Amino acid sequence: MDFTGHVTSEQAAELLGINRQSLYNLVNRDPDFPKPTKLGRTSLWRTEDLRAWRKKHPAKPRSDSS
């Protein structure tokens, strides 16, 4: 199997601008979120699937509490 175009959980979280725990929360709670491919114990996501999901679900702007 060719894993070109796939990223690790660390890279997927960075691509989406979230932390790894939030990434796994999305996997478990959002049926629309791309499911990872498993390579042993490592989860890999297709970059294009993550980008497509992010396009449908834009990041919420953070409010400054200053």
C-alpha atoms as a PDB file:
ATOM      1  CA  MET A   1       0.000   0.000   0.000  1.00  0.00           C
ATOM      2  CA  ASP A   2       1.268   3.454  -0.927  1.00  0.00           C
ATOM      3  CA  PHE A   3       1.131   5.989   1.909  1.00  0.00           C
ATOM      4  CA  THR A   4       2.210   8.979  -0.170  1.00  0.00           C
ATOM      5  CA  GLY A   5      -0.020  11.915   0.705  1.00  0.00           C
ATOM      6  CA  HIS A   6      -0.682  10.623   4.218  1.00  0.00           C
ATOM      7  CA  VAL A   7       0.277  12.343   7.473  1.00  0.00           C
ATOM      8  CA  THR A   8       0.696  11.208  11.071  1.00  0.00           C
ATOM      9  CA  SER A   9      -1.568  12.362  13.898  1.00  0.00           C
ATOM     10  CA  GLU A  10       0.961  15.020  14.890  1.00  0.00           C
ATOM     11  CA  GLN A  11       1.078  16.356  11.319  1.00  0.00           C
ATOM     12  CA  ALA A  12      -2.704  16.102  10.887  1.00  0.00           C
ATOM     13  CA  ALA A  13      -3.295  18.137  14.051  1.00  0.00           C
ATOM     14  CA  GLU A  14      -0.808  20.764  12.891  1.00  0.00           C
ATOM     15  CA  LEU A  15      -2.431  20.927   9.455  1.00  0.00           C
ATOM     16  CA  LEU A  16      -5.831  21.557  11.061  1.00  0.00           C
ATOM     17  CA  GLY A  17      -4.504  23.974  13.687  1.00  0.00           C
ATOM     18  CA  ILE A  18      -5.596  21.834  16.636  1.00  0.00           C
ATOM     19  CA  ASN A  19      -3.892  19.640  19.226  1.00  0.00           C
ATOM     20  CA  ARG A  20      -3.679  15.845  18.980  1.00  0.00           C
ATOM     21  CA  GLN A  21      -6.327  15.245  21.635  1.00  0.00           C
ATOM     22  CA  SER A  22      -8.787  17.389  19.653  1.00  0.00           C
ATOM     23  CA  LEU A  23      -7.922  15.378  16.545  1.00  0.00           C
ATOM     24  CA  TYR A  24      -8.792  12.111  18.296  1.00  0.00           C
ATOM     25  CA  ASN A  25     -11.959  13.694  19.740  1.00  0.00           C
ATOM     26  CA  LEU A  26     -13.042  14.535  16.190  1.00  0.00           C
ATOM     27  CA  VAL A  27     -12.311  10.982  15.030  1.00  0.00           C
ATOM     28  CA  ASN A  28     -14.493   9.572  17.826  1.00  0.00           C
ATOM     29  CA  ARG A  29     -17.307  12.148  17.840  1.00  0.00           C
ATOM     30  CA  ASP A  30     -17.722  13.609  14.343  1.00  0.00           C
ATOM     31  CA  PRO A  31     -19.088  11.116  11.810  1.00  0.00           C
ATOM     32  CA  ASP A  32     -18.103  13.517   9.006  1.00  0.00           C
ATOM     33  CA  PHE A  33     -14.430  13.578  10.061  1.00  0.00           C
ATOM     34  CA  PRO A  34     -12.045  11.477   7.914  1.00  0.00           C
ATOM     35  CA  LYS A  35     -11.162   8.141   9.465  1.00  0.00           C
ATOM     36  CA  PRO A  36      -7.487   7.255   9.656  1.00  0.00           C
ATOM     37  CA  THR A  37      -5.788   4.293   8.023  1.00  0.00           C
ATOM     38  CA  LYS A  38      -3.895   2.149  10.515  1.00  0.00           C
ATOM     39  CA  LEU A  39      -0.330   1.059   9.885  1.00  0.00           C
ATOM     40  CA  GLY A  40       0.348  -1.092  12.916  1.00  0.00           C
ATOM     41  CA  ARG A  41      -0.434   1.209  15.842  1.00  0.00           C
ATOM     42  CA  THR A  42       0.117   4.372  13.798  1.00  0.00           C
ATOM     43  CA  SER A  43      -2.860   6.338  12.463  1.00  0.00           C
ATOM     44  CA  LEU A  44      -2.397   7.989   9.078  1.00  0.00           C
ATOM     45  CA  TRP A  45      -4.737  10.467   7.385  1.00  0.00           C
ATOM     46  CA  ARG A  46      -4.911  11.445   3.728  1.00  0.00           C
ATOM     47  CA  THR A  47      -3.923  15.096   3.480  1.00  0.00           C
ATOM     48  CA  GLU A  48      -6.539  15.816   0.816  1.00  0.00           C
ATOM     49  CA  ASP A  49      -9.311  14.381   3.049  1.00  0.00           C
ATOM     50  CA  LEU A  50      -8.228  16.612   5.943  1.00  0.00           C
ATOM     51  CA  ARG A  51      -8.104  19.694   3.711  1.00  0.00           C
ATOM     52  CA  ALA A  52     -11.550  18.918   2.279  1.00  0.00           C
ATOM     53  CA  TRP A  53     -12.961  18.498   5.794  1.00  0.00           C
ATOM     54  CA  ARG A  54     -11.373  21.779   6.943  1.00  0.00           C
ATOM     55  CA  LYS A  55     -12.856  23.572   3.921  1.00  0.00           C
ATOM     56  CA  LYS A  56     -16.335  22.392   4.968  1.00  0.00           C
ATOM     57  CA  HIS A  57     -15.644  23.172   8.639  1.00  0.00           C
ATOM     58  CA  PRO A  58     -13.645  26.431   8.872  1.00  0.00           C
ATOM     59  CA  ALA A  59     -11.735  27.051  12.066  1.00  0.00           C
ATOM     60  CA  LYS A  60     -13.555  29.227  14.563  1.00  0.00           C
ATOM     61  CA  PRO A  61     -11.738  32.496  15.213  1.00  0.00           C
ATOM     62  CA  ARG A  62     -10.160  32.661  18.639  1.00  0.00           C
ATOM     63  CA  SER A  63     -11.246  35.511  20.856  1.00  0.00           C
ATOM     64  CA  ASP A  64      -8.540  37.418  22.712  1.00  0.00           C
ATOM     65  CA  SER A  65      -9.182  37.646  26.414  1.00  0.00           C
ATOM     66  CA  SER A  66      -6.947  40.697  26.883  1.00  0.00           C
END
